[in-house]
Amino acid sequence: MTQAGVTIKPAQGKLGVLLVGLGAVSTTFVAGVEAAKRNVRKPIGSLTQLGHIRLGKRTENRNPMVKDMVPLASLNDIVYGAWDLFPDNGYEAALKAGVIPQDLLDKCNEDLKNIVPMKAVYDKNYCRRLEATHFKTETNKMAQAEALIKDIETFKVNNNCDRLTMIWCASTEAFNTLTDTHKTVRNFEEGMKNNDPSISPSMIYAYAALKCRVGYANGAPNLTTDCPALQELAQEMRVPLSGKDFKTGQTLMKTMIAPGIAARYLSISGWFSTNILGNRDGEVLDDPQNFKTKEESKLSVLDSILQPDLYPDLYGDLYHKVRIEYYPPRKDNKEGWDNIDLVGWLGMPMQLKINFLCRDSILAAPIVLDLVLFMDLAQRAEMKGIQEWLSFFYKAPMTKKGLNPIHHLFAQEMKLQNTLRYMVGEEQITYLGLDY
């Protein structure tokens, strides 16, 4: 399909979805897709499956479904593969996660049982709270990457896949910073050969994916593809990247609420956020180094939306604090509390309280579906490198060097929709409307 200079190859054949981590998020994603295919559950939360998009002027009344406007892969063509630090198949992992209702688990138990994870890349320095039992024996990082490449190639052949995409659905890694090793592909490959400690497991997965010309989506706040070497490799291999950190509970609320407060020019003196979470991700985040990675992601949102440099009188002294507490009884049912101290006309104080009793994997699973379908679309459209139009799904969106990320949820939505319009030769919508 060729329009407006964009050629999109058809979505023919099977799409292999390679999940890094077969825990609560991945198993909930698989169960939801299989339930939607059987028409026993609606794919609630999925833009690609339920979303409509306006085309042209309001008077034209053209509002097709997104999946009918752009050539997305069919749910019936998805094949699942996974790596995990534990040997449990998808059904066993779902039982332990305790997210999926038993009646639905019974309906898709064979689909989940058929997902037997491959051995994962493990480095205890990046995940100290989990005692892995199912990991690759290679101790050299380049050898681990080569083992992953073999896994990818074998999976594609064994499952007769036409295309593949990879998405990180595992827990947050310990805090990491860029070094000279991350600057170029050559440095990075030398670093892997020399077991450089600054190369994390997620970077090894991303490297393996890119070398196989497979797009990589980063669902956690790990440094991973913020690494210049991997961005260079993505350009060289002509494949898309997106990330980072699925935008689910508390941060989703912030990107909805903060733009409204800013639009009315109300001042904020403080924003305190705390969460309780009891799943494996909560356990991993109980380690201060892993939490630091998540904290960096969650704290970046407000500055981008509120722009304190432009509005120092309103937001220059804002005190922003984020906490996550591991609380096993809640399992996957996250609870987020926000206290927002506002200042209005005449300097009068006000408060806004939010108590979001959400379900972490229930919010993340439709994001996984939308991302794998859009990443596959981007690859078929030869849109290489960072896909900023997918910022809508992430807490800490990747951007090209020198650009500030957009965190405003509704600006992100407009960017995504206008990108889809552009891809099929439709006019971008600005809502100017002077001719009405």
Protein backbone atom coordinates (compact mmCIF):
# COMPACT_ATOMS: atom_id res chain seq x y z
CA MET A 1 0.00 0.00 0.00
CA THR A 2 1.59 3.29 -1.10
CA GLN A 3 0.23 6.69 -0.08
CA ALA A 4 1.94 9.95 0.88
CA GLY A 5 5.34 8.38 0.25
CA VAL A 6 4.84 5.59 2.82
CA THR A 7 4.95 2.01 1.62
CA ILE A 8 3.48 -0.52 4.03
CA LYS A 9 4.05 -4.17 3.30
CA PRO A 10 0.94 -6.31 3.86
CA ALA A 11 0.54 -8.18 7.15
CA GLN A 12 0.82 -11.62 5.60
CA GLY A 13 1.72 -14.77 7.50
CA LYS A 14 2.31 -15.32 11.19
CA LEU A 15 3.62 -12.67 13.58
CA GLY A 16 5.86 -14.10 16.30
CA VAL A 17 5.68 -12.13 19.57
CA LEU A 18 8.79 -12.75 21.67
CA LEU A 19 8.10 -11.94 25.32
CA VAL A 20 11.02 -11.32 27.65
CA GLY A 21 9.53 -12.53 30.90
CA LEU A 22 6.61 -14.95 31.24
CA GLY A 23 5.08 -13.53 34.40
CA ALA A 24 1.86 -11.70 35.25
CA VAL A 25 1.95 -9.19 32.37
CA SER A 26 2.81 -11.68 29.62
CA THR A 27 0.35 -14.38 30.70
CA THR A 28 -2.43 -11.79 31.11
CA PHE A 29 -1.66 -10.48 27.63
CA VAL A 30 -1.84 -13.98 26.11
CA ALA A 31 -5.05 -14.87 27.95
CA GLY A 32 -6.69 -11.63 26.84
CA VAL A 33 -5.77 -12.11 23.19
CA GLU A 34 -7.00 -15.69 23.20
CA ALA A 35 -10.22 -14.64 24.97
CA ALA A 36 -10.80 -11.93 22.35
CA LYS A 37 -10.24 -14.46 19.55
CA ARG A 38 -12.87 -16.74 21.12
CA ASN A 39 -15.17 -13.76 21.74
CA VAL A 40 -15.46 -14.62 25.44
CA ARG A 41 -13.95 -11.29 26.57
CA LYS A 42 -13.79 -7.89 24.89
CA PRO A 43 -10.24 -6.49 24.40
CA ILE A 44 -10.99 -3.58 26.75
CA GLY A 45 -8.12 -1.10 26.97
CA SER A 46 -6.74 -1.85 23.50
CA LEU A 47 -6.58 1.10 21.11
CA THR A 48 -5.85 -1.17 18.13
CA GLN A 49 -8.88 -3.38 18.75
CA LEU A 50 -11.55 -0.92 19.97
CA GLY A 51 -10.34 2.51 18.86
CA HIS A 52 -11.90 4.67 16.16
CA ILE A 53 -10.08 7.52 14.44
CA ARG A 54 -11.54 10.59 12.82
CA LEU A 55 -10.56 11.26 9.21
CA GLY A 56 -11.17 14.54 7.41
CA LYS A 57 -13.59 17.23 8.59
CA ARG A 58 -16.16 16.61 11.31
CA THR A 59 -18.89 17.16 8.72
CA GLU A 60 -17.66 14.12 6.75
CA ASN A 61 -18.47 11.74 9.63
CA ARG A 62 -15.61 9.38 8.75
CA ASN A 63 -14.62 7.51 11.90
CA PRO A 64 -13.25 4.09 10.91
CA MET A 65 -11.76 1.68 13.41
CA VAL A 66 -7.98 1.96 13.65
CA LYS A 67 -7.57 -1.71 12.73
CA ASP A 68 -9.56 -1.09 9.54
CA MET A 69 -7.63 2.05 8.58
CA VAL A 70 -4.09 0.68 8.81
CA PRO A 71 -3.04 -2.88 7.90
CA LEU A 72 -2.44 -4.40 11.34
CA ALA A 73 -1.67 -8.06 11.92
CA SER A 74 -4.70 -10.17 12.81
CA LEU A 75 -4.94 -11.60 16.32
CA ASN A 76 -5.35 -15.00 14.65
CA ASP A 77 -1.83 -14.68 13.19
CA ILE A 78 -0.03 -14.12 16.51
CA VAL A 79 2.33 -16.83 17.80
CA TYR A 80 3.90 -16.55 21.26
CA GLY A 81 7.44 -17.23 22.44
CA ALA A 82 9.07 -16.31 25.74
CA TRP A 83 12.15 -16.38 27.93
CA ASP A 84 11.95 -16.55 31.71
CA LEU A 85 14.17 -17.02 34.75
CA PHE A 86 11.83 -19.81 35.94
CA PRO A 87 10.80 -22.94 33.99
CA ASP A 88 7.03 -22.65 34.55
CA ASN A 89 4.94 -22.84 31.40
CA GLY A 90 2.41 -20.08 30.72
CA TYR A 91 -0.41 -21.82 32.60
CA GLU A 92 1.72 -22.49 35.69
CA ALA A 93 3.03 -18.91 35.63
CA ALA A 94 -0.51 -17.53 35.32
CA LEU A 95 -1.67 -19.60 38.29
CA LYS A 96 1.15 -18.20 40.43
CA ALA A 97 0.48 -14.64 39.26
CA GLY A 98 -3.17 -14.96 40.27
CA VAL A 99 -4.44 -12.31 37.86
CA ILE A 100 -6.63 -14.24 35.42
CA PRO A 101 -10.08 -15.43 36.60
CA GLN A 102 -10.23 -19.22 36.84
CA ASP A 103 -13.10 -19.58 34.35
CA LEU A 104 -11.07 -17.76 31.71
CA LEU A 105 -7.92 -19.66 32.67
CA ASP A 106 -9.78 -22.90 32.01
CA LYS A 107 -10.82 -21.71 28.55
CA CYS A 108 -7.28 -20.81 27.44
CA ASN A 109 -5.24 -23.28 29.51
CA GLU A 110 -3.91 -25.14 26.45
CA ASP A 111 -2.75 -21.90 24.80
CA LEU A 112 -0.86 -21.00 27.97
CA LYS A 113 0.53 -24.49 28.55
CA ASN A 114 1.97 -24.45 25.02
CA ILE A 115 4.21 -21.52 25.94
CA VAL A 116 7.28 -23.13 27.45
CA PRO A 117 9.89 -20.48 28.20
CA MET A 118 13.39 -20.59 26.82
CA LYS A 119 16.22 -20.15 29.30
CA ALA A 120 16.77 -16.50 30.11
CA VAL A 121 19.88 -14.34 30.36
CA TYR A 122 20.52 -13.73 34.06
CA ASP A 123 22.78 -11.35 35.93
CA LYS A 124 22.11 -11.22 39.65
CA ASN A 125 23.64 -7.74 39.84
CA TYR A 126 20.61 -6.43 37.95
CA CYS A 127 17.95 -8.48 39.74
CA ARG A 128 19.06 -9.27 43.28
CA ARG A 129 15.67 -10.16 44.78
CA LEU A 130 15.00 -13.14 42.47
CA GLU A 131 16.81 -16.48 42.71
CA ALA A 132 16.65 -17.66 39.10
CA THR A 133 16.52 -21.37 38.31
CA HIS A 134 16.17 -21.31 34.51
CA PHE A 135 18.95 -19.40 32.83
CA LYS A 136 21.61 -19.76 30.18
CA THR A 137 24.88 -21.34 31.23
CA GLU A 138 27.02 -19.12 29.00
CA THR A 139 28.97 -16.75 31.20
CA ASN A 140 30.29 -14.51 28.42
CA LYS A 141 27.88 -11.76 27.35
CA MET A 142 28.63 -12.08 23.64
CA ALA A 143 28.03 -15.83 23.93
CA GLN A 144 24.71 -15.07 25.66
CA ALA A 145 23.73 -12.77 22.80
CA GLU A 146 24.64 -15.47 20.27
CA ALA A 147 22.52 -17.97 22.23
CA LEU A 148 19.57 -15.56 22.09
CA ILE A 149 20.06 -15.08 18.35
CA LYS A 150 19.92 -18.85 17.93
CA ASP A 151 16.72 -18.94 20.02
CA ILE A 152 15.15 -16.29 17.79
CA GLU A 153 16.11 -18.02 14.56
CA THR A 154 14.92 -21.42 15.83
CA PHE A 155 11.61 -20.02 17.05
CA LYS A 156 10.95 -18.33 13.71
CA VAL A 157 11.58 -21.53 11.76
CA ASN A 158 9.74 -23.89 14.14
CA ASN A 159 6.65 -21.67 14.21
CA ASN A 160 6.69 -20.76 10.53
CA CYS A 161 6.68 -17.03 11.33
CA ASP A 162 6.82 -14.44 8.59
CA ARG A 163 7.79 -11.64 11.01
CA LEU A 164 8.87 -11.20 14.63
CA THR A 165 8.80 -8.49 17.27
CA MET A 166 10.25 -8.51 20.80
CA ILE A 167 8.91 -6.82 23.92
CA TRP A 168 10.36 -6.63 27.44
CA CYS A 169 7.69 -7.65 29.96
CA ALA A 170 10.06 -8.62 32.76
CA SER A 171 10.82 -6.72 35.95
CA THR A 172 12.82 -3.52 36.35
CA GLU A 173 16.61 -3.87 36.33
CA ALA A 174 18.92 -2.21 38.85
CA PHE A 175 19.91 1.38 38.10
CA ASN A 176 22.45 1.75 35.30
CA THR A 177 24.24 4.65 33.62
CA LEU A 178 25.82 5.16 30.21
CA THR A 179 29.55 4.59 29.78
CA ASP A 180 31.94 4.68 26.84
CA THR A 181 30.99 1.05 26.19
CA HIS A 182 27.49 2.19 25.20
CA LYS A 183 28.60 4.88 22.75
CA THR A 184 29.14 2.86 19.56
CA VAL A 185 28.25 -0.57 18.24
CA ARG A 186 31.93 -1.44 18.08
CA ASN A 187 32.49 -0.45 21.72
CA PHE A 188 29.38 -2.33 22.75
CA GLU A 189 30.43 -5.56 21.03
CA GLU A 190 33.89 -5.32 22.57
CA GLY A 191 32.22 -4.75 25.92
CA MET A 192 30.15 -7.89 25.56
CA LYS A 193 33.22 -9.92 24.67
CA ASN A 194 34.95 -8.54 27.77
CA ASN A 195 31.93 -9.03 30.07
CA ASP A 196 31.59 -5.31 30.78
CA PRO A 197 29.39 -5.04 33.93
CA SER A 198 27.58 -2.00 32.51
CA ILE A 199 25.93 -4.19 29.84
CA SER A 200 22.68 -5.43 31.36
CA PRO A 201 20.59 -8.48 30.34
CA SER A 202 17.99 -6.22 28.69
CA MET A 203 20.71 -4.72 26.48
CA ILE A 204 21.79 -8.22 25.44
CA TYR A 205 18.20 -9.07 24.45
CA ALA A 206 17.88 -5.83 22.50
CA TYR A 207 21.19 -6.43 20.72
CA ALA A 208 20.12 -9.96 19.74
CA ALA A 209 16.77 -8.71 18.47
CA LEU A 210 18.31 -5.94 16.36
CA LYS A 211 20.94 -8.27 14.88
CA CYS A 212 18.03 -10.47 13.74
CA ARG A 213 16.23 -7.42 12.29
CA VAL A 214 13.53 -7.68 14.95
CA GLY A 215 12.01 -4.54 16.50
CA TYR A 216 12.38 -4.10 20.27
CA ALA A 217 9.89 -2.47 22.67
CA ASN A 218 11.04 -1.72 26.22
CA GLY A 219 8.24 -2.12 28.77
CA ALA A 220 10.37 -1.33 31.83
CA PRO A 221 12.38 1.75 32.84
CA ASN A 222 15.68 -0.05 32.11
CA LEU A 223 18.33 2.00 30.31
CA THR A 224 18.46 -0.59 27.46
CA THR A 225 17.79 1.14 24.12
CA ASP A 226 18.57 4.62 25.45
CA CYS A 227 22.06 3.35 24.71
CA PRO A 228 23.51 5.16 21.62
CA ALA A 229 25.13 1.94 20.39
CA LEU A 230 21.78 0.15 20.13
CA GLN A 231 20.14 3.15 18.51
CA GLU A 232 22.95 3.13 15.94
CA LEU A 233 22.41 -0.60 15.40
CA ALA A 234 18.65 -0.09 14.92
CA GLN A 235 19.34 2.45 12.17
CA GLU A 236 21.87 0.15 10.56
CA MET A 237 19.52 -2.86 10.62
CA ARG A 238 16.52 -0.69 9.67
CA VAL A 239 14.26 -1.77 12.54
CA PRO A 240 12.09 0.17 15.04
CA LEU A 241 12.68 0.82 18.74
CA SER A 242 10.23 2.10 21.32
CA GLY A 243 10.14 2.60 25.08
CA LYS A 244 10.24 2.91 27.92
CA ASP A 245 8.17 1.68 30.88
CA PHE A 246 4.50 0.79 30.31
CA LYS A 247 2.27 3.68 31.39
CA THR A 248 -0.26 1.96 33.62
CA GLY A 249 -1.47 3.09 37.09
CA GLN A 250 -0.30 6.14 38.94
CA THR A 251 1.70 7.71 36.12
CA LEU A 252 -1.25 7.25 33.75
CA MET A 253 -3.32 9.31 36.21
CA LYS A 254 -0.61 11.99 36.35
CA THR A 255 -0.53 12.38 32.57
CA MET A 256 -4.32 12.82 32.63
CA ILE A 257 -4.66 15.12 35.66
CA ALA A 258 -1.54 17.33 35.38
CA PRO A 259 -2.41 18.68 31.90
CA GLY A 260 -5.82 19.78 33.21
CA ILE A 261 -4.31 21.57 36.20
CA ALA A 262 -1.74 23.25 33.95
CA ALA A 263 -4.41 24.24 31.40
CA ARG A 264 -6.18 26.24 34.13
CA TYR A 265 -2.91 27.79 35.39
CA LEU A 266 -3.37 26.51 38.92
CA SER A 267 -0.20 26.35 41.01
CA ILE A 268 1.06 23.12 42.57
CA SER A 269 3.23 23.30 45.69
CA GLY A 270 3.52 19.54 46.23
CA TRP A 271 2.64 16.19 44.69
CA PHE A 272 3.14 13.11 46.86
CA SER A 273 2.64 9.66 45.32
CA THR A 274 2.85 6.27 46.97
CA ASN A 275 1.96 2.75 45.82
CA ILE A 276 1.55 -0.67 47.35
CA LEU A 277 2.12 -3.68 45.09
CA GLY A 278 2.61 -7.36 45.85
CA ASN A 279 3.52 -9.14 42.61
CA ARG A 280 6.98 -10.17 41.40
CA ASP A 281 7.59 -6.67 40.07
CA GLY A 282 6.85 -5.29 43.53
CA GLU A 283 9.32 -7.75 45.05
CA VAL A 284 12.04 -6.71 42.60
CA LEU A 285 11.33 -3.00 43.22
CA ASP A 286 11.80 -3.58 46.93
CA ASP A 287 15.53 -3.42 46.19
CA PRO A 288 16.69 0.25 46.36
CA GLN A 289 18.76 0.01 43.15
CA ASN A 290 15.82 -1.37 41.16
CA PHE A 291 13.47 1.22 42.65
CA LYS A 292 15.91 4.00 41.67
CA THR A 293 15.46 2.98 38.01
CA LYS A 294 11.67 3.16 38.37
CA GLU A 295 11.81 6.41 40.36
CA GLU A 296 13.74 8.17 37.59
CA SER A 297 11.01 7.15 35.14
CA LYS A 298 8.10 8.24 37.36
CA LEU A 299 9.61 11.56 38.47
CA SER A 300 10.30 12.82 34.94
CA VAL A 301 6.62 13.17 34.03
CA LEU A 302 5.57 16.33 35.85
CA ASP A 303 8.45 18.57 34.77
CA SER A 304 7.68 17.87 31.12
CA ILE A 305 3.98 18.64 31.49
CA LEU A 306 4.17 21.60 33.88
CA GLN A 307 7.31 23.27 32.42
CA PRO A 308 8.55 24.98 35.62
CA ASP A 309 11.22 26.84 33.63
CA LEU A 310 8.43 28.67 31.77
CA TYR A 311 6.13 28.97 34.79
CA PRO A 312 8.38 29.43 37.85
CA ASP A 313 5.63 31.25 39.79
CA LEU A 314 3.31 28.24 39.41
CA TYR A 315 5.61 25.23 39.53
CA GLY A 316 9.13 26.44 40.32
CA ASP A 317 9.01 25.23 43.95
CA LEU A 318 6.98 22.06 43.41
CA TYR A 319 7.97 19.24 45.75
CA HIS A 320 7.45 15.87 44.01
CA LYS A 321 7.97 12.58 45.83
CA VAL A 322 7.28 9.00 44.70
CA ARG A 323 7.28 5.81 46.78
CA ILE A 324 6.56 2.13 46.02
CA GLU A 325 6.07 -0.31 48.88
CA TYR A 326 6.18 -4.08 48.46
CA TYR A 327 3.05 -5.49 50.10
CA PRO A 328 2.57 -9.22 49.25
CA PRO A 329 -1.14 -9.56 50.27
CA ARG A 330 -2.21 -7.32 47.37
CA LYS A 331 -0.44 -9.47 44.72
CA ASP A 332 -1.11 -7.82 41.33
CA ASN A 333 -3.71 -5.40 42.70
CA LYS A 334 -1.78 -2.16 42.93
CA GLU A 335 -3.11 0.74 44.96
CA GLY A 336 -1.87 4.24 44.31
CA TRP A 337 -2.44 7.27 46.51
CA ASP A 338 -1.76 10.79 45.32
CA ASN A 339 -1.96 13.96 47.38
CA ILE A 340 -1.76 17.15 45.33
CA ASP A 341 -1.42 20.50 47.12
CA LEU A 342 -2.81 23.21 44.85
CA VAL A 343 -2.72 27.00 45.09
CA GLY A 344 -5.39 29.12 43.41
CA TRP A 345 -6.55 32.72 43.06
CA LEU A 346 -5.47 34.99 45.94
CA GLY A 347 -2.92 32.33 46.91
CA MET A 348 -5.62 30.18 48.50
CA PRO A 349 -4.62 26.52 49.13
CA MET A 350 -6.66 23.56 47.86
CA GLN A 351 -6.10 19.81 47.77
CA LEU A 352 -6.83 16.99 45.35
CA LYS A 353 -6.72 13.35 46.51
CA ILE A 354 -6.61 10.35 44.18
CA ASN A 355 -6.93 6.73 45.30
CA PHE A 356 -6.56 4.43 42.31
CA LEU A 357 -7.21 0.78 43.13
CA CYS A 358 -5.99 -0.69 39.89
CA ARG A 359 -4.73 -4.00 38.57
CA ASP A 360 -1.21 -3.69 37.23
CA SER A 361 -1.22 -6.44 34.61
CA ILE A 362 -4.81 -5.74 33.54
CA LEU A 363 -3.69 -2.23 32.56
CA ALA A 364 -0.39 -3.39 31.02
CA ALA A 365 -1.70 -6.30 28.89
CA PRO A 366 -3.59 -4.19 26.29
CA ILE A 367 -0.54 -1.93 26.02
CA VAL A 368 1.54 -5.01 25.11
CA LEU A 369 -0.96 -5.92 22.39
CA ASP A 370 -1.07 -2.40 20.93
CA LEU A 371 2.71 -2.08 20.98
CA VAL A 372 3.47 -5.39 19.27
CA LEU A 373 0.93 -4.60 16.52
CA PHE A 374 2.16 -1.03 16.03
CA MET A 375 5.83 -2.07 16.15
CA ASP A 376 5.11 -4.67 13.47
CA LEU A 377 3.30 -1.99 11.43
CA ALA A 378 6.28 0.37 11.80
CA GLN A 379 8.67 -2.32 10.62
CA ARG A 380 6.53 -3.11 7.58
CA ALA A 381 6.47 0.64 6.83
CA GLU A 382 10.29 0.75 7.17
CA MET A 383 10.10 3.24 10.03
CA LYS A 384 13.47 2.59 11.65
CA GLY A 385 14.91 3.77 14.95
CA ILE A 386 13.01 5.50 17.77
CA GLN A 387 9.22 5.53 17.29
CA GLU A 388 8.29 8.64 19.24
CA TRP A 389 4.67 8.37 18.06
CA LEU A 390 4.31 5.41 20.47
CA SER A 391 5.03 7.68 23.48
CA PHE A 392 1.32 7.34 24.36
CA PHE A 393 2.05 3.93 25.91
CA TYR A 394 5.15 4.81 27.98
CA LYS A 395 6.06 6.57 31.24
CA ALA A 396 9.45 7.76 29.98
CA PRO A 397 9.17 8.07 26.18
CA MET A 398 12.29 7.78 24.07
CA THR A 399 13.13 10.71 21.80
CA LYS A 400 15.89 11.56 19.40
CA LYS A 401 18.91 13.28 20.93
CA GLY A 402 18.28 16.91 21.81
CA LEU A 403 14.47 16.60 22.04
CA ASN A 404 12.45 16.70 25.22
CA PRO A 405 9.86 13.94 25.56
CA ILE A 406 6.14 14.70 25.42
CA HIS A 407 4.33 13.38 28.53
CA HIS A 408 0.98 15.11 28.07
CA LEU A 409 -1.37 12.15 27.39
CA PHE A 410 -3.65 14.01 25.00
CA ALA A 411 -0.77 15.51 23.03
CA GLN A 412 0.65 11.98 22.78
CA GLU A 413 -2.71 10.70 21.53
CA MET A 414 -2.83 13.39 18.84
CA LYS A 415 0.73 12.57 17.77
CA LEU A 416 -0.13 8.87 17.47
CA GLN A 417 -3.32 9.50 15.52
CA ASN A 418 -1.68 12.00 13.17
CA THR A 419 1.12 9.52 12.47
CA LEU A 420 -1.45 6.90 11.49
CA ARG A 421 -3.23 9.45 9.28
CA TYR A 422 0.08 10.36 7.64
CA MET A 423 0.91 6.71 6.98
CA VAL A 424 -2.23 6.23 4.88
CA GLY A 425 -2.20 9.62 3.17
CA GLU A 426 -4.92 11.32 5.23
CA GLU A 427 -4.75 14.94 6.34
CA GLN A 428 -3.43 15.58 9.85
CA ILE A 429 -6.05 17.11 12.13
CA THR A 430 -5.26 20.35 13.99
CA TYR A 431 -8.74 21.23 15.33
CA LEU A 432 -8.38 24.77 13.94
CA GLY A 433 -11.87 24.73 12.47
CA LEU A 434 -12.00 28.33 11.18
CA ASP A 435 -13.93 27.21 8.09
CA TYR A 436 -16.80 26.07 10.32
